[in-house]
Amino acid sequence: IYGALAAIMDEDPAEPAVQKLIARHYRHLRNFYEPTLELYRGLGRMYASDLRFRAHYDKYGKGLAVFLSKGISVFCDWQALGEGRF
């Protein structure tokens, strides 16, 4: 998932290709626990703000942590509005 996201970081986080991968990430997390949208959004913020998470995700591509955070935010917005497409 992260390698695929790193490969399309030049896209807008709202693009369908990005959102499909974000939805896949969300589904993957559901194998371990049931993240609410609020929790998932907070996790995305932590990916970008916590230096340990940022270092981990940026190994796949510089800036991936922030890109992932933005994509998660879009995903959560759409889900909250009932516009979840993926």
PDB file of N, CA and C in Angstrom:
ATOM      1  N   ILE A   1       0.834  -1.187   0.000  1.00  0.00           N
ATOM      2  CA  ILE A   1       0.000   0.000   0.000  1.00  0.00           C
ATOM      3  C   ILE A   1       0.881   1.253   0.000  1.00  0.00           C
ATOM      4  N   TYR A   2       1.896   1.267   0.844  1.00  0.00           N
ATOM      5  CA  TYR A   2       2.716   2.471   0.980  1.00  0.00           C
ATOM      6  C   TYR A   2       3.575   2.718  -0.255  1.00  0.00           C
ATOM      7  N   GLY A   3       4.103   1.661  -0.825  1.00  0.00           N
ATOM      8  CA  GLY A   3       4.872   1.815  -2.057  1.00  0.00           C
ATOM      9  C   GLY A   3       4.000   2.342  -3.184  1.00  0.00           C
ATOM     10  N   ALA A   4       2.772   1.831  -3.256  1.00  0.00           N
ATOM     11  CA  ALA A   4       1.839   2.294  -4.292  1.00  0.00           C
ATOM     12  C   ALA A   4       1.464   3.755  -4.078  1.00  0.00           C
ATOM     13  N   LEU A   5       1.250   4.146  -2.827  1.00  0.00           N
ATOM     14  CA  LEU A   5       0.946   5.550  -2.534  1.00  0.00           C
ATOM     15  C   LEU A   5       2.141   6.445  -2.856  1.00  0.00           C
ATOM     16  N   ALA A   6       3.337   5.997  -2.513  1.00  0.00           N
ATOM     17  CA  ALA A   6       4.539   6.788  -2.799  1.00  0.00           C
ATOM     18  C   ALA A   6       4.695   7.023  -4.295  1.00  0.00           C
ATOM     19  N   ALA A   7       4.265   6.055  -5.088  1.00  0.00           N
ATOM     20  CA  ALA A   7       4.396   6.165  -6.538  1.00  0.00           C
ATOM     21  C   ALA A   7       3.444   7.195  -7.144  1.00  0.00           C
ATOM     22  N   ILE A   8       2.390   7.566  -6.406  1.00  0.00           N
ATOM     23  CA  ILE A   8       1.419   8.525  -6.953  1.00  0.00           C
ATOM     24  C   ILE A   8       1.279   9.769  -6.084  1.00  0.00           C
ATOM     25  N   MET A   9       2.343  10.100  -5.354  1.00  0.00           N
ATOM     26  CA  MET A   9       2.287  11.271  -4.470  1.00  0.00           C
ATOM     27  C   MET A   9       2.139  12.588  -5.219  1.00  0.00           C
ATOM     28  N   ASP A  10       2.357  12.582  -6.518  1.00  0.00           N
ATOM     29  CA  ASP A  10       2.189  13.814  -7.284  1.00  0.00           C
ATOM     30  C   ASP A  10       0.717  14.081  -7.602  1.00  0.00           C
ATOM     31  N   GLU A  11      -0.142  13.131  -7.283  1.00  0.00           N
ATOM     32  CA  GLU A  11      -1.588  13.275  -7.508  1.00  0.00           C
ATOM     33  C   GLU A  11      -2.235  14.042  -6.353  1.00  0.00           C
ATOM     34  N   ASP A  12      -3.400  14.572  -6.599  1.00  0.00           N
ATOM     35  CA  ASP A  12      -4.218  15.182  -5.551  1.00  0.00           C
ATOM     36  C   ASP A  12      -4.707  14.057  -4.639  1.00  0.00           C
ATOM     37  N   PRO A  13      -4.659  14.233  -3.317  1.00  0.00           N
ATOM     38  CA  PRO A  13      -5.123  13.175  -2.411  1.00  0.00           C
ATOM     39  C   PRO A  13      -6.587  12.777  -2.625  1.00  0.00           C
ATOM     40  N   ALA A  14      -7.362  13.611  -3.295  1.00  0.00           N
ATOM     41  CA  ALA A  14      -8.767  13.295  -3.559  1.00  0.00           C
ATOM     42  C   ALA A  14      -8.965  12.483  -4.843  1.00  0.00           C
ATOM     43  N   GLU A  15      -7.908  12.270  -5.596  1.00  0.00           N
ATOM     44  CA  GLU A  15      -8.021  11.503  -6.838  1.00  0.00           C
ATOM     45  C   GLU A  15      -8.457  10.071  -6.538  1.00  0.00           C
ATOM     46  N   PRO A  16      -9.270   9.496  -7.416  1.00  0.00           N
ATOM     47  CA  PRO A  16      -9.757   8.133  -7.181  1.00  0.00           C
ATOM     48  C   PRO A  16      -8.657   7.100  -6.940  1.00  0.00           C
ATOM     49  N   ALA A  17      -7.561   7.180  -7.663  1.00  0.00           N
ATOM     50  CA  ALA A  17      -6.490   6.198  -7.475  1.00  0.00           C
ATOM     51  C   ALA A  17      -5.909   6.281  -6.059  1.00  0.00           C
ATOM     52  N   VAL A  18      -5.781   7.490  -5.554  1.00  0.00           N
ATOM     53  CA  VAL A  18      -5.269   7.686  -4.195  1.00  0.00           C
ATOM     54  C   VAL A  18      -6.295   7.181  -3.186  1.00  0.00           C
ATOM     55  N   GLN A  19      -7.539   7.561  -3.383  1.00  0.00           N
ATOM     56  CA  GLN A  19      -8.574   7.184  -2.429  1.00  0.00           C
ATOM     57  C   GLN A  19      -8.816   5.679  -2.397  1.00  0.00           C
ATOM     58  N   LYS A  20      -8.614   4.998  -3.504  1.00  0.00           N
ATOM     59  CA  LYS A  20      -8.731   3.534  -3.497  1.00  0.00           C
ATOM     60  C   LYS A  20      -7.672   2.920  -2.592  1.00  0.00           C
ATOM     61  N   LEU A  21      -6.475   3.476  -2.636  1.00  0.00           N
ATOM     62  CA  LEU A  21      -5.408   2.962  -1.770  1.00  0.00           C
ATOM     63  C   LEU A  21      -5.648   3.324  -0.308  1.00  0.00           C
ATOM     64  N   ILE A  22      -6.176   4.506  -0.055  1.00  0.00           N
ATOM     65  CA  ILE A  22      -6.502   4.902   1.314  1.00  0.00           C
ATOM     66  C   ILE A  22      -7.588   3.979   1.861  1.00  0.00           C
ATOM     67  N   ALA A  23      -8.590   3.684   1.052  1.00  0.00           N
ATOM     68  CA  ALA A  23      -9.654   2.771   1.476  1.00  0.00           C
ATOM     69  C   ALA A  23      -9.086   1.380   1.768  1.00  0.00           C
ATOM     70  N   ARG A  24      -8.125   0.963   0.963  1.00  0.00           N
ATOM     71  CA  ARG A  24      -7.468  -0.327   1.202  1.00  0.00           C
ATOM     72  C   ARG A  24      -6.713  -0.301   2.535  1.00  0.00           C
ATOM     73  N   HIS A  25      -6.055   0.813   2.819  1.00  0.00           N
ATOM     74  CA  HIS A  25      -5.350   0.989   4.098  1.00  0.00           C
ATOM     75  C   HIS A  25      -6.334   0.900   5.254  1.00  0.00           C
ATOM     76  N   TYR A  26      -7.465   1.581   5.126  1.00  0.00           N
ATOM     77  CA  TYR A  26      -8.499   1.561   6.166  1.00  0.00           C
ATOM     78  C   TYR A  26      -9.011   0.137   6.386  1.00  0.00           C
ATOM     79  N   ARG A  27      -9.294  -0.576   5.299  1.00  0.00           N
ATOM     80  CA  ARG A  27      -9.767  -1.968   5.410  1.00  0.00           C
ATOM     81  C   ARG A  27      -8.710  -2.849   6.070  1.00  0.00           C
ATOM     82  N   HIS A  28      -7.458  -2.595   5.761  1.00  0.00           N
ATOM     83  CA  HIS A  28      -6.378  -3.364   6.368  1.00  0.00           C
ATOM     84  C   HIS A  28      -6.366  -3.161   7.886  1.00  0.00           C
ATOM     85  N   LEU A  29      -6.504  -1.926   8.326  1.00  0.00           N
ATOM     86  CA  LEU A  29      -6.534  -1.651   9.763  1.00  0.00           C
ATOM     87  C   LEU A  29      -7.683  -2.377  10.446  1.00  0.00           C
ATOM     88  N   ARG A  30      -8.787  -2.548   9.731  1.00  0.00           N
ATOM     89  CA  ARG A  30      -9.960  -3.209  10.305  1.00  0.00           C
ATOM     90  C   ARG A  30      -9.698  -4.682  10.612  1.00  0.00           C
ATOM     91  N   ASN A  31      -8.604  -5.244  10.114  1.00  0.00           N
ATOM     92  CA  ASN A  31      -8.220  -6.603  10.484  1.00  0.00           C
ATOM     93  C   ASN A  31      -7.774  -6.675  11.938  1.00  0.00           C
ATOM     94  N   PHE A  32      -7.412  -5.529  12.501  1.00  0.00           N
ATOM     95  CA  PHE A  32      -6.862  -5.480  13.854  1.00  0.00           C
ATOM     96  C   PHE A  32      -7.798  -4.821  14.864  1.00  0.00           C
ATOM     97  N   TYR A  33      -8.540  -3.826  14.429  1.00  0.00           N
ATOM     98  CA  TYR A  33      -9.497  -3.120  15.290  1.00  0.00           C
ATOM     99  C   TYR A  33     -10.449  -2.340  14.400  1.00  0.00           C
ATOM    100  N   GLU A  34     -11.504  -1.819  14.971  1.00  0.00           N
ATOM    101  CA  GLU A  34     -12.510  -1.072  14.207  1.00  0.00           C
ATOM    102  C   GLU A  34     -12.283   0.427  14.426  1.00  0.00           C
ATOM    103  N   PRO A  35     -11.516   1.057  13.529  1.00  0.00           N
ATOM    104  CA  PRO A  35     -11.267   2.487  13.713  1.00  0.00           C
ATOM    105  C   PRO A  35     -12.478   3.334  13.303  1.00  0.00           C
ATOM    106  N   THR A  36     -12.893   4.189  14.197  1.00  0.00           N
ATOM    107  CA  THR A  36     -13.928   5.151  13.832  1.00  0.00           C
ATOM    108  C   THR A  36     -13.285   6.162  12.882  1.00  0.00           C
ATOM    109  N   LEU A  37     -14.098   6.953  12.223  1.00  0.00           N
ATOM    110  CA  LEU A  37     -13.550   7.979  11.341  1.00  0.00           C
ATOM    111  C   LEU A  37     -12.722   8.987  12.133  1.00  0.00           C
ATOM    112  N   GLU A  38     -13.173   9.310  13.324  1.00  0.00           N
ATOM    113  CA  GLU A  38     -12.432  10.252  14.171  1.00  0.00           C
ATOM    114  C   GLU A  38     -11.056   9.679  14.533  1.00  0.00           C
ATOM    115  N   LEU A  39     -11.035   8.413  14.891  1.00  0.00           N
ATOM    116  CA  LEU A  39      -9.783   7.759  15.227  1.00  0.00           C
ATOM    117  C   LEU A  39      -8.868   7.675  14.010  1.00  0.00           C
ATOM    118  N   TYR A  40      -9.423   7.322  12.868  1.00  0.00           N
ATOM    119  CA  TYR A  40      -8.631   7.194  11.644  1.00  0.00           C
ATOM    120  C   TYR A  40      -8.053   8.555  11.238  1.00  0.00           C
ATOM    121  N   ARG A  41      -8.845   9.597  11.348  1.00  0.00           N
ATOM    122  CA  ARG A  41      -8.362  10.942  11.029  1.00  0.00           C
ATOM    123  C   ARG A  41      -7.208  11.320  11.978  1.00  0.00           C
ATOM    124  N   GLY A  42      -7.363  11.019  13.258  1.00  0.00           N
ATOM    125  CA  GLY A  42      -6.314  11.302  14.224  1.00  0.00           C
ATOM    126  C   GLY A  42      -5.051  10.516  13.941  1.00  0.00           C
ATOM    127  N   LEU A  43      -5.214   9.278  13.514  1.00  0.00           N
ATOM    128  CA  LEU A  43      -4.069   8.456  13.147  1.00  0.00           C
ATOM    129  C   LEU A  43      -3.322   9.097  11.978  1.00  0.00           C
ATOM    130  N   GLY A  44      -4.066   9.575  11.010  1.00  0.00           N
ATOM    131  CA  GLY A  44      -3.446  10.251   9.877  1.00  0.00           C
ATOM    132  C   GLY A  44      -2.667  11.483  10.304  1.00  0.00           C
ATOM    133  N   ARG A  45      -3.235  12.240  11.214  1.00  0.00           N
ATOM    134  CA  ARG A  45      -2.519  13.427  11.722  1.00  0.00           C
ATOM    135  C   ARG A  45      -1.234  13.014  12.437  1.00  0.00           C
ATOM    136  N   MET A  46      -1.318  11.915  13.183  1.00  0.00           N
ATOM    137  CA  MET A  46      -0.145  11.443  13.908  1.00  0.00           C
ATOM    138  C   MET A  46       0.945  10.985  12.937  1.00  0.00           C
ATOM    139  N   TYR A  47       0.562  10.358  11.832  1.00  0.00           N
ATOM    140  CA  TYR A  47       1.548   9.936  10.839  1.00  0.00           C
ATOM    141  C   TYR A  47       2.398  11.123  10.392  1.00  0.00           C
ATOM    142  N   ALA A  48       1.772  12.286  10.248  1.00  0.00           N
ATOM    143  CA  ALA A  48       2.484  13.469   9.752  1.00  0.00           C
ATOM    144  C   ALA A  48       3.200  14.227  10.861  1.00  0.00           C
ATOM    145  N   SER A  49       2.665  14.199  12.068  1.00  0.00           N
ATOM    146  CA  SER A  49       3.219  15.051  13.121  1.00  0.00           C
ATOM    147  C   SER A  49       4.236  14.363  14.031  1.00  0.00           C
ATOM    148  N   ASP A  50       4.114  13.074  14.215  1.00  0.00           N
ATOM    149  CA  ASP A  50       5.034  12.350  15.082  1.00  0.00           C
ATOM    150  C   ASP A  50       6.276  11.973  14.264  1.00  0.00           C
ATOM    151  N   LEU A  51       7.427  12.389  14.726  1.00  0.00           N
ATOM    152  CA  LEU A  51       8.662  12.173  13.972  1.00  0.00           C
ATOM    153  C   LEU A  51       8.963  10.702  13.725  1.00  0.00           C
ATOM    154  N   ARG A  52       8.573   9.828  14.651  1.00  0.00           N
ATOM    155  CA  ARG A  52       8.822   8.393  14.460  1.00  0.00           C
ATOM    156  C   ARG A  52       7.965   7.844  13.319  1.00  0.00           C
ATOM    157  N   PHE A  53       6.688   8.201  13.303  1.00  0.00           N
ATOM    158  CA  PHE A  53       5.827   7.756  12.201  1.00  0.00           C
ATOM    159  C   PHE A  53       6.276   8.364  10.887  1.00  0.00           C
ATOM    160  N   ARG A  54       6.596   9.657  10.935  1.00  0.00           N
ATOM    161  CA  ARG A  54       7.018  10.332   9.709  1.00  0.00           C
ATOM    162  C   ARG A  54       8.253   9.650   9.124  1.00  0.00           C
ATOM    163  N   ALA A  55       9.213   9.328   9.969  1.00  0.00           N
ATOM    164  CA  ALA A  55      10.428   8.665   9.495  1.00  0.00           C
ATOM    165  C   ALA A  55      10.100   7.306   8.877  1.00  0.00           C
ATOM    166  N   HIS A  56       9.192   6.578   9.498  1.00  0.00           N
ATOM    167  CA  HIS A  56       8.807   5.265   8.967  1.00  0.00           C
ATOM    168  C   HIS A  56       8.184   5.392   7.581  1.00  0.00           C
ATOM    169  N   TYR A  57       7.170   6.210   7.436  1.00  0.00           N
ATOM    170  CA  TYR A  57       6.458   6.313   6.162  1.00  0.00           C
ATOM    171  C   TYR A  57       7.288   6.999   5.087  1.00  0.00           C
ATOM    172  N   ASP A  58       8.119   7.941   5.490  1.00  0.00           N
ATOM    173  CA  ASP A  58       8.931   8.635   4.502  1.00  0.00           C
ATOM    174  C   ASP A  58      10.057   7.763   3.941  1.00  0.00           C
ATOM    175  N   LYS A  59      10.267   6.575   4.517  1.00  0.00           N
ATOM    176  CA  LYS A  59      11.205   5.622   3.915  1.00  0.00           C
ATOM    177  C   LYS A  59      10.708   5.164   2.547  1.00  0.00           C
ATOM    178  N   TYR A  60       9.409   5.180   2.359  1.00  0.00           N
ATOM    179  CA  TYR A  60       8.820   4.766   1.084  1.00  0.00           C
ATOM    180  C   TYR A  60       8.893   5.877   0.043  1.00  0.00           C
ATOM    181  N   GLY A  61       8.974   7.106   0.511  1.00  0.00           N
ATOM    182  CA  GLY A  61       9.057   8.268  -0.365  1.00  0.00           C
ATOM    183  C   GLY A  61       8.989   9.521   0.491  1.00  0.00           C
ATOM    184  N   LYS A  62       9.916  10.433   0.272  1.00  0.00           N
ATOM    185  CA  LYS A  62       9.943  11.651   1.090  1.00  0.00           C
ATOM    186  C   LYS A  62       8.630  12.402   0.933  1.00  0.00           C
ATOM    187  N   GLY A  63       7.967  12.642   2.049  1.00  0.00           N
ATOM    188  CA  GLY A  63       6.685  13.335   2.039  1.00  0.00           C
ATOM    189  C   GLY A  63       5.479  12.411   2.112  1.00  0.00           C
ATOM    190  N   LEU A  64       5.722  11.094   2.137  1.00  0.00           N
ATOM    191  CA  LEU A  64       4.585  10.168   2.148  1.00  0.00           C
ATOM    192  C   LEU A  64       3.729  10.327   3.397  1.00  0.00           C
ATOM    193  N   ALA A  65       4.338  10.576   4.541  1.00  0.00           N
ATOM    194  CA  ALA A  65       3.553  10.699   5.775  1.00  0.00           C
ATOM    195  C   ALA A  65       2.530  11.822   5.669  1.00  0.00           C
ATOM    196  N   VAL A  66       2.934  12.956   5.140  1.00  0.00           N
ATOM    197  CA  VAL A  66       2.015  14.088   4.987  1.00  0.00           C
ATOM    198  C   VAL A  66       0.973  13.781   3.915  1.00  0.00           C
ATOM    199  N   PHE A  67       1.401  13.172   2.819  1.00  0.00           N
ATOM    200  CA  PHE A  67       0.471  12.802   1.750  1.00  0.00           C
ATOM    201  C   PHE A  67      -0.569  11.802   2.264  1.00  0.00           C
ATOM    202  N   LEU A  68      -0.128  10.814   3.011  1.00  0.00           N
ATOM    203  CA  LEU A  68      -1.036   9.822   3.592  1.00  0.00           C
ATOM    204  C   LEU A  68      -2.025  10.500   4.536  1.00  0.00           C
ATOM    205  N   SER A  69      -1.543  11.417   5.340  1.00  0.00           N
ATOM    206  CA  SER A  69      -2.407  12.155   6.257  1.00  0.00           C
ATOM    207  C   SER A  69      -3.488  12.933   5.503  1.00  0.00           C
ATOM    208  N   LYS A  70      -3.098  13.591   4.435  1.00  0.00           N
ATOM    209  CA  LYS A  70      -4.068  14.352   3.627  1.00  0.00           C
ATOM    210  C   LYS A  70      -5.081  13.410   2.985  1.00  0.00           C
ATOM    211  N   GLY A  71      -4.607  12.287   2.472  1.00  0.00           N
ATOM    212  CA  GLY A  71      -5.511  11.316   1.852  1.00  0.00           C
ATOM    213  C   GLY A  71      -6.500  10.745   2.852  1.00  0.00           C
ATOM    214  N   ILE A  72      -6.037  10.480   4.058  1.00  0.00           N
ATOM    215  CA  ILE A  72      -6.913   9.972   5.113  1.00  0.00           C
ATOM    216  C   ILE A  72      -7.968  11.016   5.470  1.00  0.00           C
ATOM    217  N   SER A  73      -7.568  12.270   5.524  1.00  0.00           N
ATOM    218  CA  SER A  73      -8.514  13.341   5.836  1.00  0.00           C
ATOM    219  C   SER A  73      -9.625  13.418   4.789  1.00  0.00           C
ATOM    220  N   VAL A  74      -9.253  13.341   3.517  1.00  0.00           N
ATOM    221  CA  VAL A  74     -10.254  13.347   2.439  1.00  0.00           C
ATOM    222  C   VAL A  74     -11.180  12.141   2.586  1.00  0.00           C
ATOM    223  N   PHE A  75     -10.604  10.982   2.813  1.00  0.00           N
ATOM    224  CA  PHE A  75     -11.385   9.755   2.981  1.00  0.00           C
ATOM    225  C   PHE A  75     -12.415   9.920   4.096  1.00  0.00           C
ATOM    226  N   CYS A  76     -11.967  10.434   5.235  1.00  0.00           N
ATOM    227  CA  CYS A  76     -12.861  10.604   6.383  1.00  0.00           C
ATOM    228  C   CYS A  76     -13.951  11.629   6.090  1.00  0.00           C
ATOM    229  N   ASP A  77     -13.601  12.715   5.418  1.00  0.00           N
ATOM    230  CA  ASP A  77     -14.603  13.717   5.045  1.00  0.00           C
ATOM    231  C   ASP A  77     -15.685  13.093   4.183  1.00  0.00           C
ATOM    232  N   TRP A  78     -15.271  12.345   3.173  1.00  0.00           N
ATOM    233  CA  TRP A  78     -16.241  11.734   2.264  1.00  0.00           C
ATOM    234  C   TRP A  78     -17.101  10.690   2.964  1.00  0.00           C
ATOM    235  N   GLN A  79     -16.481   9.907   3.822  1.00  0.00           N
ATOM    236  CA  GLN A  79     -17.243   8.891   4.565  1.00  0.00           C
ATOM    237  C   GLN A  79     -18.277   9.556   5.474  1.00  0.00           C
ATOM    238  N   ALA A  80     -17.868  10.615   6.138  1.00  0.00           N
ATOM    239  CA  ALA A  80     -18.768  11.322   7.073  1.00  0.00           C
ATOM    240  C   ALA A  80     -19.956  11.930   6.337  1.00  0.00           C
ATOM    241  N   LEU A  81     -19.727  12.331   5.095  1.00  0.00           N
ATOM    242  CA  LEU A  81     -20.806  12.920   4.294  1.00  0.00           C
ATOM    243  C   LEU A  81     -21.640  11.870   3.566  1.00  0.00           C
ATOM    244  N   GLY A  82     -21.267  10.609   3.756  1.00  0.00           N
ATOM    245  CA  GLY A  82     -21.979   9.529   3.050  1.00  0.00           C
ATOM    246  C   GLY A  82     -21.610   9.445   1.591  1.00  0.00           C
ATOM    247  N   GLU A  83     -20.454  10.019   1.247  1.00  0.00           N
ATOM    248  CA  GLU A  83     -20.006  10.008  -0.137  1.00  0.00           C
ATOM    249  C   GLU A  83     -18.858   9.043  -0.359  1.00  0.00           C
ATOM    250  N   GLY A  84     -18.688   8.112   0.582  1.00  0.00           N
ATOM    251  CA  GLY A  84     -17.614   7.141   0.457  1.00  0.00           C
ATOM    252  C   GLY A  84     -17.785   6.347  -0.816  1.00  0.00           C
ATOM    253  N   ARG A  85     -16.818   6.424  -1.675  1.00  0.00           N
ATOM    254  CA  ARG A  85     -16.915   5.786  -2.988  1.00  0.00           C
ATOM    255  C   ARG A  85     -16.088   4.525  -3.085  1.00  0.00           C
ATOM    256  N   PHE A  86     -15.199   4.327  -2.154  1.00  0.00           N
ATOM    257  CA  PHE A  86     -14.247   3.240  -2.313  1.00  0.00           C
ATOM    258  C   PHE A  86     -14.375   2.298  -1.160  1.00  0.00           C
TER     259      PHE A  86
END
